Amino acid sequence: MVGCCNELNTGYAADGYARASSNRVAVVVVPYIVGSLSILNAITGAYSEHLRIIVIAGCPNTPFLSNRKLIHHTPSEHKKDIGLNIYREMIR
């Protein structure tokens, strides 16, 4: 396990780990929304090099997601899955 001070550095560390591992795969854990967006540049670069990095992003409980209230780090009350959608667009 490698700890980093921010998500972007975590992404680049995972990129390096995937390059050095025999399976060319790494796993990162980031916080909800802001972590997913912050790490995106590193993950996109790794994806372009055919490295596999599994991103595990934290998420509030389902009852919090299903109500109409804003959640910390959520861009709007209607776009609570924006992090997932951005990754879907990246791999198209």
N, C-alpha and C. Protein backbone atom coordinates (compact mmCIF):
# COMPACT_ATOMS: atom_id res chain seq x y z
N MET A 1 0.85 -1.17 0.00
CA MET A 1 0.00 0.00 0.00
C MET A 1 0.89 1.24 0.00
N VAL A 2 0.55 2.19 -0.85
CA VAL A 2 1.28 3.44 -0.95
C VAL A 2 0.33 4.57 -0.61
N GLY A 3 0.70 5.39 0.34
CA GLY A 3 -0.13 6.53 0.70
C GLY A 3 0.40 7.79 0.04
N CYS A 4 -0.49 8.65 -0.42
CA CYS A 4 -0.11 9.90 -1.07
C CYS A 4 -0.90 11.05 -0.45
N CYS A 5 -0.42 12.27 -0.70
CA CYS A 5 -1.04 13.45 -0.12
C CYS A 5 -2.27 13.94 -0.89
N ASN A 6 -2.38 13.59 -2.15
CA ASN A 6 -3.56 13.99 -2.90
C ASN A 6 -3.89 12.93 -3.96
N GLU A 7 -5.07 13.04 -4.52
CA GLU A 7 -5.55 12.00 -5.44
C GLU A 7 -4.75 11.93 -6.74
N LEU A 8 -4.33 13.08 -7.27
CA LEU A 8 -3.57 13.06 -8.51
C LEU A 8 -2.26 12.31 -8.32
N ASN A 9 -1.56 12.58 -7.23
CA ASN A 9 -0.34 11.83 -6.94
C ASN A 9 -0.62 10.35 -6.76
N THR A 10 -1.76 10.05 -6.16
CA THR A 10 -2.16 8.65 -5.99
C THR A 10 -2.33 7.98 -7.35
N GLY A 11 -2.92 8.69 -8.29
CA GLY A 11 -3.11 8.16 -9.64
C GLY A 11 -1.79 7.89 -10.33
N TYR A 12 -0.84 8.81 -10.20
CA TYR A 12 0.47 8.60 -10.83
C TYR A 12 1.25 7.48 -10.14
N ALA A 13 1.08 7.34 -8.84
CA ALA A 13 1.72 6.23 -8.13
C ALA A 13 1.12 4.90 -8.60
N ALA A 14 -0.18 4.86 -8.80
CA ALA A 14 -0.83 3.65 -9.30
C ALA A 14 -0.37 3.35 -10.72
N ASP A 15 -0.20 4.37 -11.54
CA ASP A 15 0.33 4.20 -12.88
C ASP A 15 1.71 3.53 -12.82
N GLY A 16 2.57 4.04 -11.98
CA GLY A 16 3.91 3.45 -11.83
C GLY A 16 3.86 2.03 -11.30
N TYR A 17 2.96 1.80 -10.34
CA TYR A 17 2.83 0.45 -9.79
C TYR A 17 2.35 -0.52 -10.86
N ALA A 18 1.38 -0.09 -11.66
CA ALA A 18 0.87 -0.97 -12.72
C ALA A 18 1.95 -1.27 -13.75
N ARG A 19 2.78 -0.28 -14.07
CA ARG A 19 3.88 -0.50 -15.01
C ARG A 19 4.90 -1.50 -14.46
N ALA A 20 5.14 -1.44 -13.17
CA ALA A 20 6.15 -2.30 -12.55
C ALA A 20 5.64 -3.69 -12.21
N SER A 21 4.33 -3.86 -12.09
CA SER A 21 3.78 -5.16 -11.70
C SER A 21 3.71 -6.09 -12.90
N SER A 22 3.82 -7.36 -12.65
CA SER A 22 3.77 -8.34 -13.74
C SER A 22 2.37 -8.41 -14.37
N ASN A 23 1.35 -8.09 -13.61
CA ASN A 23 -0.03 -8.13 -14.14
C ASN A 23 -0.46 -6.81 -14.78
N ARG A 24 0.34 -5.76 -14.62
CA ARG A 24 0.03 -4.42 -15.14
C ARG A 24 -1.32 -3.92 -14.64
N VAL A 25 -1.55 -4.09 -13.34
CA VAL A 25 -2.79 -3.63 -12.73
C VAL A 25 -2.49 -3.01 -11.36
N ALA A 26 -3.28 -2.01 -10.99
CA ALA A 26 -3.17 -1.37 -9.68
C ALA A 26 -4.58 -0.99 -9.22
N VAL A 27 -4.73 -0.73 -7.95
CA VAL A 27 -6.02 -0.33 -7.37
C VAL A 27 -5.81 0.93 -6.55
N VAL A 28 -6.73 1.90 -6.70
CA VAL A 28 -6.69 3.11 -5.90
C VAL A 28 -8.04 3.32 -5.23
N VAL A 29 -8.01 3.98 -4.08
CA VAL A 29 -9.23 4.31 -3.34
C VAL A 29 -9.25 5.82 -3.16
N VAL A 30 -10.35 6.45 -3.57
CA VAL A 30 -10.48 7.90 -3.49
C VAL A 30 -11.81 8.28 -2.87
N PRO A 31 -11.93 9.51 -2.35
CA PRO A 31 -13.21 9.94 -1.79
C PRO A 31 -14.23 10.29 -2.87
N TYR A 32 -15.46 10.41 -2.47
CA TYR A 32 -16.61 10.67 -3.35
C TYR A 32 -16.42 11.96 -4.15
N ILE A 33 -16.70 11.93 -5.40
CA ILE A 33 -16.71 12.98 -6.41
C ILE A 33 -15.36 13.70 -6.54
N VAL A 34 -14.92 14.47 -5.55
CA VAL A 34 -13.70 15.26 -5.72
C VAL A 34 -12.49 14.38 -5.96
N GLY A 35 -12.41 13.24 -5.30
CA GLY A 35 -11.30 12.32 -5.51
C GLY A 35 -11.34 11.71 -6.90
N SER A 36 -12.53 11.35 -7.34
CA SER A 36 -12.70 10.77 -8.67
C SER A 36 -12.30 11.75 -9.77
N LEU A 37 -12.62 13.01 -9.58
CA LEU A 37 -12.29 14.01 -10.59
C LEU A 37 -10.82 14.39 -10.53
N SER A 38 -10.26 14.46 -9.34
CA SER A 38 -8.86 14.85 -9.18
C SER A 38 -7.91 13.83 -9.79
N ILE A 39 -8.23 12.57 -9.70
CA ILE A 39 -7.36 11.50 -10.17
C ILE A 39 -7.52 11.24 -11.68
N LEU A 40 -8.49 11.89 -12.30
CA LEU A 40 -8.87 11.58 -13.68
C LEU A 40 -7.72 11.71 -14.68
N ASN A 41 -6.89 12.73 -14.61
CA ASN A 41 -5.79 12.89 -15.57
C ASN A 41 -4.82 11.72 -15.51
N ALA A 42 -4.48 11.28 -14.32
CA ALA A 42 -3.55 10.16 -14.18
C ALA A 42 -4.18 8.87 -14.72
N ILE A 43 -5.44 8.66 -14.45
CA ILE A 43 -6.12 7.45 -14.91
C ILE A 43 -6.25 7.46 -16.43
N THR A 44 -6.54 8.62 -17.01
CA THR A 44 -6.65 8.72 -18.46
C THR A 44 -5.32 8.40 -19.12
N GLY A 45 -4.23 8.91 -18.56
CA GLY A 45 -2.90 8.60 -19.10
C GLY A 45 -2.59 7.12 -19.01
N ALA A 46 -2.91 6.50 -17.90
CA ALA A 46 -2.67 5.07 -17.74
C ALA A 46 -3.54 4.27 -18.72
N TYR A 47 -4.77 4.70 -18.91
CA TYR A 47 -5.66 4.03 -19.85
C TYR A 47 -5.10 4.08 -21.27
N SER A 48 -4.52 5.21 -21.63
CA SER A 48 -3.96 5.35 -22.98
C SER A 48 -2.74 4.45 -23.18
N GLU A 49 -2.11 4.04 -22.09
CA GLU A 49 -0.96 3.13 -22.15
C GLU A 49 -1.36 1.68 -21.91
N HIS A 50 -2.66 1.41 -21.89
CA HIS A 50 -3.21 0.06 -21.69
C HIS A 50 -2.85 -0.53 -20.32
N LEU A 51 -2.75 0.35 -19.32
CA LEU A 51 -2.56 -0.10 -17.95
C LEU A 51 -3.93 -0.19 -17.29
N ARG A 52 -4.09 -1.15 -16.41
CA ARG A 52 -5.37 -1.31 -15.73
C ARG A 52 -5.26 -0.75 -14.32
N ILE A 53 -6.05 0.26 -14.05
CA ILE A 53 -6.13 0.82 -12.71
C ILE A 53 -7.58 0.79 -12.29
N ILE A 54 -7.84 0.10 -11.23
CA ILE A 54 -9.20 -0.01 -10.69
C ILE A 54 -9.38 1.13 -9.70
N VAL A 55 -10.38 1.98 -9.95
CA VAL A 55 -10.65 3.12 -9.08
C VAL A 55 -11.86 2.77 -8.21
N ILE A 56 -11.64 2.75 -6.91
CA ILE A 56 -12.72 2.54 -5.95
C ILE A 56 -13.01 3.89 -5.32
N ALA A 57 -14.19 4.41 -5.59
CA ALA A 57 -14.57 5.73 -5.07
C ALA A 57 -15.60 5.56 -3.97
N GLY A 58 -15.40 6.29 -2.91
CA GLY A 58 -16.35 6.28 -1.82
C GLY A 58 -17.69 6.83 -2.29
N CYS A 59 -18.72 6.51 -1.57
CA CYS A 59 -20.06 6.96 -1.95
C CYS A 59 -20.95 6.98 -0.70
N PRO A 60 -21.82 7.97 -0.59
CA PRO A 60 -22.76 7.99 0.53
C PRO A 60 -23.73 6.81 0.46
N ASN A 61 -24.39 6.56 1.55
CA ASN A 61 -25.42 5.51 1.58
C ASN A 61 -26.53 5.82 0.59
N THR A 62 -27.19 4.80 0.10
CA THR A 62 -28.25 4.94 -0.89
C THR A 62 -29.35 5.91 -0.46
N PRO A 63 -29.82 5.90 0.80
CA PRO A 63 -30.86 6.87 1.17
C PRO A 63 -30.41 8.32 0.96
N PHE A 64 -29.13 8.62 1.17
CA PHE A 64 -28.65 9.97 0.94
C PHE A 64 -28.66 10.32 -0.54
N LEU A 65 -28.37 9.34 -1.39
CA LEU A 65 -28.34 9.59 -2.83
C LEU A 65 -29.73 9.73 -3.42
N SER A 66 -30.71 9.06 -2.83
CA SER A 66 -32.06 9.08 -3.40
C SER A 66 -32.87 10.31 -2.99
N ASN A 67 -32.44 11.05 -1.98
CA ASN A 67 -33.21 12.24 -1.61
C ASN A 67 -32.77 13.44 -2.46
N ARG A 68 -33.49 14.51 -2.37
CA ARG A 68 -33.24 15.68 -3.22
C ARG A 68 -32.31 16.71 -2.56
N LYS A 69 -31.65 16.35 -1.49
CA LYS A 69 -30.79 17.29 -0.79
C LYS A 69 -29.37 17.23 -1.33
N LEU A 70 -28.67 18.35 -1.23
CA LEU A 70 -27.27 18.37 -1.63
C LEU A 70 -26.43 17.59 -0.64
N ILE A 71 -25.42 16.93 -1.15
CA ILE A 71 -24.47 16.19 -0.33
C ILE A 71 -23.12 16.86 -0.51
N HIS A 72 -22.31 16.85 0.51
CA HIS A 72 -20.98 17.45 0.44
C HIS A 72 -20.23 16.94 -0.80
N HIS A 73 -19.66 17.85 -1.57
CA HIS A 73 -18.90 17.58 -2.79
C HIS A 73 -19.76 17.17 -3.98
N THR A 74 -21.06 17.28 -3.89
CA THR A 74 -21.92 16.94 -5.01
C THR A 74 -22.19 18.21 -5.81
N PRO A 75 -22.01 18.19 -7.13
CA PRO A 75 -22.20 19.41 -7.91
C PRO A 75 -23.63 19.91 -7.96
N SER A 76 -24.61 19.02 -7.89
CA SER A 76 -26.01 19.43 -7.85
C SER A 76 -26.83 18.30 -7.25
N GLU A 77 -28.07 18.60 -6.94
CA GLU A 77 -28.92 17.56 -6.35
C GLU A 77 -29.32 16.51 -7.37
N HIS A 78 -29.17 16.78 -8.67
CA HIS A 78 -29.59 15.85 -9.70
C HIS A 78 -28.43 15.07 -10.32
N LYS A 79 -27.20 15.46 -10.07
CA LYS A 79 -26.03 14.83 -10.72
C LYS A 79 -25.13 14.16 -9.69
N LYS A 80 -25.67 13.27 -8.92
CA LYS A 80 -24.90 12.63 -7.87
C LYS A 80 -24.01 11.51 -8.39
N ASP A 81 -24.18 11.13 -9.66
CA ASP A 81 -23.35 10.08 -10.25
C ASP A 81 -22.41 10.64 -11.31
N ILE A 82 -22.08 11.90 -11.22
CA ILE A 82 -21.26 12.54 -12.24
C ILE A 82 -19.86 11.91 -12.35
N GLY A 83 -19.30 11.48 -11.24
CA GLY A 83 -17.98 10.83 -11.28
C GLY A 83 -18.00 9.59 -12.15
N LEU A 84 -18.99 8.75 -11.96
CA LEU A 84 -19.12 7.53 -12.76
C LEU A 84 -19.34 7.85 -14.23
N ASN A 85 -20.17 8.83 -14.50
CA ASN A 85 -20.44 9.20 -15.88
C ASN A 85 -19.21 9.75 -16.60
N ILE A 86 -18.37 10.48 -15.91
CA ILE A 86 -17.15 11.00 -16.52
C ILE A 86 -16.22 9.85 -16.90
N TYR A 87 -16.10 8.85 -16.06
CA TYR A 87 -15.26 7.70 -16.39
C TYR A 87 -15.84 6.92 -17.56
N ARG A 88 -17.15 6.82 -17.65
CA ARG A 88 -17.77 6.15 -18.79
C ARG A 88 -17.43 6.88 -20.09
N GLU A 89 -17.46 8.20 -20.06
CA GLU A 89 -17.12 8.97 -21.26
C GLU A 89 -15.65 8.83 -21.62
N MET A 90 -14.80 8.72 -20.63
CA MET A 90 -13.36 8.61 -20.87
C MET A 90 -13.01 7.37 -21.66
N ILE A 91 -13.69 6.26 -21.43
CA ILE A 91 -13.31 5.01 -22.09
C ILE A 91 -14.04 4.79 -23.40
N ARG A 92 -14.83 5.73 -23.84
CA ARG A 92 -15.52 5.58 -25.13
C ARG A 92 -14.59 5.75 -26.27
